[in-house]
PDB file of N, CA and C in Angstrom:
ATOM      1  N   MET A   1     103.731 119.985  95.696  1.00  0.00           N
ATOM      2  CA  MET A   1     104.855 119.015  95.902  1.00  0.00           C
ATOM      3  C   MET A   1     105.899 118.878  95.229  1.00  0.00           C
ATOM      4  N   LEU A   2     107.279 119.006  95.298  1.00  0.00           N
ATOM      5  CA  LEU A   2     108.152 118.759  94.387  1.00  0.00           C
ATOM      6  C   LEU A   2     108.657 117.057  94.309  1.00  0.00           C
ATOM      7  N   ASP A   3     109.210 116.670  93.033  1.00  0.00           N
ATOM      8  CA  ASP A   3     109.196 115.304  93.074  1.00  0.00           C
ATOM      9  C   ASP A   3     110.332 114.950  93.975  1.00  0.00           C
ATOM     10  N   SER A   4     111.112 115.711  94.560  1.00  0.00           N
ATOM     11  CA  SER A   4     111.883 114.657  95.406  1.00  0.00           C
ATOM     12  C   SER A   4     111.042 114.836  96.718  1.00  0.00           C
ATOM     13  N   GLN A   5     110.246 115.958  97.145  1.00  0.00           N
ATOM     14  CA  GLN A   5     109.467 115.134  98.165  1.00  0.00           C
ATOM     15  C   GLN A   5     108.399 113.890  98.028  1.00  0.00           C
ATOM     16  N   ARG A   6     108.042 114.104  96.737  1.00  0.00           N
ATOM     17  CA  ARG A   6     107.132 112.814  96.760  1.00  0.00           C
ATOM     18  C   ARG A   6     107.893 111.764  96.492  1.00  0.00           C
ATOM     19  N   ASN A   7     109.287 111.671  96.021  1.00  0.00           N
ATOM     20  CA  ASN A   7     109.796 110.021  96.161  1.00  0.00           C
ATOM     21  C   ASN A   7     110.199 110.297  97.672  1.00  0.00           C
ATOM     22  N   ASP A   8     110.783 111.030  98.454  1.00  0.00           N
ATOM     23  CA  ASP A   8     110.706 110.596  99.874  1.00  0.00           C
ATOM     24  C   ASP A   8     109.667 110.311 100.756  1.00  0.00           C
ATOM     25  N   LEU A   9     108.322 110.537 100.483  1.00  0.00           N
ATOM     26  CA  LEU A   9     107.160 110.366 100.489  1.00  0.00           C
ATOM     27  C   LEU A   9     106.849 108.692 100.422  1.00  0.00           C
ATOM     28  N   MET A  10     107.205 108.403  99.502  1.00  0.00           N
ATOM     29  CA  MET A  10     106.639 107.015  98.680  1.00  0.00           C
ATOM     30  C   MET A  10     107.495 106.245  99.568  1.00  0.00           C
ATOM     31  N   LYS A  11     108.974 106.515  99.488  1.00  0.00           N
ATOM     32  CA  LYS A  11     109.577 105.324  99.988  1.00  0.00           C
ATOM     33  C   LYS A  11     109.343 105.343 101.350  1.00  0.00           C
ATOM     34  N   SER A  12     109.147 106.375 102.464  1.00  0.00           N
ATOM     35  CA  SER A  12     108.826 105.819 103.864  1.00  0.00           C
ATOM     36  C   SER A  12     107.546 105.409 103.721  1.00  0.00           C
ATOM     37  N   ALA A  13     106.544 105.547 102.849  1.00  0.00           N
ATOM     38  CA  ALA A  13     105.304 104.847 102.741  1.00  0.00           C
ATOM     39  C   ALA A  13     105.485 103.496 102.760  1.00  0.00           C
ATOM     40  N   THR A  14     106.301 103.246 101.523  1.00  0.00           N
ATOM     41  CA  THR A  14     106.873 101.961 101.356  1.00  0.00           C
ATOM     42  C   THR A  14     107.570 101.113 102.659  1.00  0.00           C
ATOM     43  N   GLU A  15     107.933 101.691 103.394  1.00  0.00           N
ATOM     44  CA  GLU A  15     108.686 100.928 104.791  1.00  0.00           C
ATOM     45  C   GLU A  15     107.944 101.187 105.705  1.00  0.00           C
ATOM     46  N   LEU A  16     106.806 102.296 105.904  1.00  0.00           N
ATOM     47  CA  LEU A  16     105.722 101.711 106.613  1.00  0.00           C
ATOM     48  C   LEU A  16     105.019 100.660 106.587  1.00  0.00           C
ATOM     49  N   SER A  17     104.792 100.667 105.066  1.00  0.00           N
ATOM     50  CA  SER A  17     103.527  99.225 104.531  1.00  0.00           C
ATOM     51  C   SER A  17     104.370  98.115 104.950  1.00  0.00           C
ATOM     52  N   LYS A  18     105.872  98.102 104.789  1.00  0.00           N
ATOM     53  CA  LYS A  18     106.447  96.660 104.856  1.00  0.00           C
ATOM     54  C   LYS A  18     106.136  96.424 106.624  1.00  0.00           C
ATOM     55  N   ALA A  19     106.324  97.243 107.176  1.00  0.00           N
ATOM     56  CA  ALA A  19     106.636  96.718 108.626  1.00  0.00           C
ATOM     57  C   ALA A  19     105.026  96.492 109.132  1.00  0.00           C
ATOM     58  N   HIS A  20     103.950  97.469 108.676  1.00  0.00           N
ATOM     59  CA  HIS A  20     102.666  96.691 108.931  1.00  0.00           C
ATOM     60  C   HIS A  20     102.523  95.421 108.418  1.00  0.00           C
ATOM     61  N   ARG A  21     102.471  94.896 107.135  1.00  0.00           N
ATOM     62  CA  ARG A  21     102.439  93.813 106.862  1.00  0.00           C
ATOM     63  C   ARG A  21     102.930  92.509 107.775  1.00  0.00           C
ATOM     64  N   LYS A  22     104.492  92.914 107.841  1.00  0.00           N
ATOM     65  CA  LYS A  22     104.694  91.656 108.684  1.00  0.00           C
ATOM     66  C   LYS A  22     104.038  91.541 110.278  1.00  0.00           C
ATOM     67  N   ALA A  23     103.109  92.091 110.569  1.00  0.00           N
ATOM     68  CA  ALA A  23     102.582  92.055 111.492  1.00  0.00           C
ATOM     69  C   ALA A  23     101.033  91.106 111.346  1.00  0.00           C
ATOM     70  N   PHE A  24     101.250  90.755 110.073  1.00  0.00           N
ATOM     71  CA  PHE A  24      99.896  90.210 109.694  1.00  0.00           C
ATOM     72  C   PHE A  24     100.425  88.720 109.070  1.00  0.00           C
ATOM     73  N   GLU A  25      99.614  87.850 109.470  1.00  0.00           N
ATOM     74  CA  GLU A  25      99.828  86.399 108.827  1.00  0.00           C
ATOM     75  C   GLU A  25      99.627  86.594 107.191  1.00  0.00           C
ATOM     76  N   HIS A  26      98.523  87.072 107.063  1.00  0.00           N
ATOM     77  CA  HIS A  26      97.931  86.907 105.628  1.00  0.00           C
ATOM     78  C   HIS A  26      97.735  88.738 105.459  1.00  0.00           C
ATOM     79  N   TRP A  27      98.138  89.231 104.581  1.00  0.00           N
ATOM     80  CA  TRP A  27      97.879  90.725 104.436  1.00  0.00           C
ATOM     81  C   TRP A  27      96.965  90.724 103.061  1.00  0.00           C
ATOM     82  N   ASN A  28      95.546  91.163 103.463  1.00  0.00           N
ATOM     83  CA  ASN A  28      94.485  90.991 102.382  1.00  0.00           C
ATOM     84  C   ASN A  28      94.267  92.495 102.035  1.00  0.00           C
ATOM     85  N   GLU A  29      95.086  93.414 102.200  1.00  0.00           N
ATOM     86  CA  GLU A  29      94.829  94.776 101.716  1.00  0.00           C
ATOM     87  C   GLU A  29      95.222  95.404  99.960  1.00  0.00           C
ATOM     88  N   GLY A  30      95.979  94.615  99.845  1.00  0.00           N
ATOM     89  CA  GLY A  30      96.787  94.617  98.514  1.00  0.00           C
ATOM     90  C   GLY A  30      97.851  96.342  98.647  1.00  0.00           C
ATOM     91  N   GLU A  31      97.962  96.100  97.353  1.00  0.00           N
ATOM     92  CA  GLU A  31      98.988  97.264  97.352  1.00  0.00           C
ATOM     93  C   GLU A  31      98.978  98.678  97.897  1.00  0.00           C
ATOM     94  N   ILE A  32      99.652  99.957  97.526  1.00  0.00           N
ATOM     95  CA  ILE A  32      99.623 100.709  97.760  1.00  0.00           C
ATOM     96  C   ILE A  32      98.717 101.686  96.778  1.00  0.00           C
ATOM     97  N   VAL A  33      97.842 102.188  96.951  1.00  0.00           N
ATOM     98  CA  VAL A  33      97.305 103.267  95.883  1.00  0.00           C
ATOM     99  C   VAL A  33      97.490 104.446  95.922  1.00  0.00           C
ATOM    100  N   LYS A  34      97.154 104.879  97.735  1.00  0.00           N
ATOM    101  CA  LYS A  34      97.509 106.220  97.636  1.00  0.00           C
ATOM    102  C   LYS A  34      98.520 106.901  99.012  1.00  0.00           C
ATOM    103  N   VAL A  35      99.026 107.990  99.132  1.00  0.00           N
ATOM    104  CA  VAL A  35      99.604 108.322 100.365  1.00  0.00           C
ATOM    105  C   VAL A  35      99.641 109.538 100.082  1.00  0.00           C
ATOM    106  N   TRP A  36      99.249 110.181 101.989  1.00  0.00           N
ATOM    107  CA  TRP A  36      98.950 111.376 101.677  1.00  0.00           C
ATOM    108  C   TRP A  36      99.734 111.791 103.425  1.00  0.00           C
ATOM    109  N   ILE A  37      99.732 113.281 103.690  1.00  0.00           N
ATOM    110  CA  ILE A  37     100.501 113.806 105.156  1.00  0.00           C
ATOM    111  C   ILE A  37      98.783 114.566 105.417  1.00  0.00           C
ATOM    112  N   ASP A  38      98.136 113.765 106.461  1.00  0.00           N
ATOM    113  CA  ASP A  38      97.346 114.715 107.448  1.00  0.00           C
ATOM    114  C   ASP A  38      97.393 115.597 107.690  1.00  0.00           C
ATOM    115  N   THR A  39      96.739 116.663 108.606  1.00  0.00           N
ATOM    116  CA  THR A  39      96.807 117.556 109.234  1.00  0.00           C
ATOM    117  C   THR A  39      97.837 117.841 110.449  1.00  0.00           C
ATOM    118  N   SER A  40      98.139 116.350 111.032  1.00  0.00           N
ATOM    119  CA  SER A  40      98.596 116.357 112.149  1.00  0.00           C
ATOM    120  C   SER A  40     100.331 116.173 112.131  1.00  0.00           C
ATOM    121  N   GLY A  41     100.234 115.500 110.197  1.00  0.00           N
ATOM    122  CA  GLY A  41     101.909 115.400 110.079  1.00  0.00           C
ATOM    123  C   GLY A  41     101.761 113.840 109.936  1.00  0.00           C
ATOM    124  N   ASN A  42     101.028 113.327 109.875  1.00  0.00           N
ATOM    125  CA  ASN A  42     101.054 111.577 109.956  1.00  0.00           C
ATOM    126  C   ASN A  42     100.873 111.584 108.488  1.00  0.00           C
ATOM    127  N   THR A  43     101.697 110.318 108.199  1.00  0.00           N
ATOM    128  CA  THR A  43     101.806 109.395 106.699  1.00  0.00           C
ATOM    129  C   THR A  43     100.616 108.853 106.782  1.00  0.00           C
ATOM    130  N   CYS A  44      99.532 109.010 105.666  1.00  0.00           N
ATOM    131  CA  CYS A  44      98.078 108.047 105.398  1.00  0.00           C
ATOM    132  C   CYS A  44      98.712 107.204 104.381  1.00  0.00           C
ATOM    133  N   ILE A  45      98.041 106.109 104.360  1.00  0.00           N
ATOM    134  CA  ILE A  45      98.305 105.027 103.102  1.00  0.00           C
ATOM    135  C   ILE A  45      97.262 104.251 103.006  1.00  0.00           C
ATOM    136  N   GLU A  46      96.661 104.465 101.655  1.00  0.00           N
ATOM    137  CA  GLU A  46      95.248 103.904 101.085  1.00  0.00           C
ATOM    138  C   GLU A  46      95.770 102.439 100.206  1.00  0.00           C
ATOM    139  N   TYR A  47      94.823 101.643 100.424  1.00  0.00           N
ATOM    140  CA  TYR A  47      95.215 100.028  99.704  1.00  0.00           C
ATOM    141  C   TYR A  47      94.496  99.822  98.878  1.00  0.00           C
ATOM    142  N   GLU A  48      94.841  98.642  97.776  1.00  0.00           N
ATOM    143  CA  GLU A  48      93.929  98.857  97.080  1.00  0.00           C
ATOM    144  C   GLU A  48      92.461  98.091  97.419  1.00  0.00           C
ATOM    145  N   SER A  49      92.527  97.825  98.855  1.00  0.00           N
ATOM    146  CA  SER A  49      90.762  97.188  99.448  1.00  0.00           C
ATOM    147  C   SER A  49      90.099  98.561  99.559  1.00  0.00           C
ATOM    148  N   GLY A  50      90.470  99.544  99.689  1.00  0.00           N
ATOM    149  CA  GLY A  50      90.180 100.623  99.837  1.00  0.00           C
ATOM    150  C   GLY A  50      90.383 101.448 101.410  1.00  0.00           C
ATOM    151  N   ASN A  51      90.992 100.700 102.093  1.00  0.00           N
ATOM    152  CA  ASN A  51      91.541 100.802 103.741  1.00  0.00           C
ATOM    153  C   ASN A  51      92.568 101.205 103.876  1.00  0.00           C
ATOM    154  N   TRP A  52      92.362 102.448 104.745  1.00  0.00           N
ATOM    155  CA  TRP A  52      93.762 103.343 104.979  1.00  0.00           C
ATOM    156  C   TRP A  52      93.826 103.362 106.019  1.00  0.00           C
ATOM    157  N   TRP A  53      95.449 103.679 106.335  1.00  0.00           N
ATOM    158  CA  TRP A  53      95.410 103.801 107.912  1.00  0.00           C
ATOM    159  C   TRP A  53      96.611 104.853 107.899  1.00  0.00           C
ATOM    160  N   HIS A  54      96.480 105.422 109.235  1.00  0.00           N
ATOM    161  CA  HIS A  54      97.200 106.848 109.510  1.00  0.00           C
ATOM    162  C   HIS A  54      98.706 105.934 110.232  1.00  0.00           C
ATOM    163  N   TYR A  55      99.974 106.413 109.917  1.00  0.00           N
ATOM    164  CA  TYR A  55     101.222 105.815 110.383  1.00  0.00           C
ATOM    165  C   TYR A  55     102.032 107.235 111.114  1.00  0.00           C
ATOM    166  N   ASN A  56     102.449 107.479 112.022  1.00  0.00           N
ATOM    167  CA  ASN A  56     103.105 108.325 112.774  1.00  0.00           C
ATOM    168  C   ASN A  56     104.973 107.963 112.833  1.00  0.00           C
ATOM    169  N   GLU A  57     105.548 109.038 113.173  1.00  0.00           N
ATOM    170  CA  GLU A  57     107.110 108.608 112.855  1.00  0.00           C
ATOM    171  C   GLU A  57     107.413 107.739 113.664  1.00  0.00           C
ATOM    172  N   ARG A  58     106.796 106.826 115.019  1.00  0.00           N
ATOM    173  CA  ARG A  58     107.079 105.976 115.305  1.00  0.00           C
ATOM    174  C   ARG A  58     106.872 104.547 114.926  1.00  0.00           C
ATOM    175  N   GLY A  59     106.434 104.511 113.537  1.00  0.00           N
ATOM    176  CA  GLY A  59     105.685 103.683 112.856  1.00  0.00           C
ATOM    177  C   GLY A  59     104.632 102.764 113.006  1.00  0.00           C
ATOM    178  N   GLU A  60     103.763 103.423 114.367  1.00  0.00           N
ATOM    179  CA  GLU A  60     102.721 102.945 114.582  1.00  0.00           C
ATOM    180  C   GLU A  60     101.290 103.371 113.755  1.00  0.00           C
ATOM    181  N   TRP A  61     100.303 102.636 113.752  1.00  0.00           N
ATOM    182  CA  TRP A  61      99.284 102.928 112.675  1.00  0.00           C
ATOM    183  C   TRP A  61      97.977 102.525 113.545  1.00  0.00           C
ATOM    184  N   TRP A  62      97.032 103.183 112.821  1.00  0.00           N
ATOM    185  CA  TRP A  62      95.636 103.009 113.706  1.00  0.00           C
ATOM    186  C   TRP A  62      94.567 103.505 112.477  1.00  0.00           C
TER     187      TRP A  62
END
């Protein structure tokens, strides 16, 4: 992955994470520790807690 692609991925992950955090009164997952794209093209974010979510292009997570 090129540096520019990595930067774009981290920028996207940061925005997705911000939206996710706003849905919770208390965010207990910590900061982002790992970001990747799954085989379906969804952004995946792992947090300090060890939990991770898939995020689609509409910003939905599961």
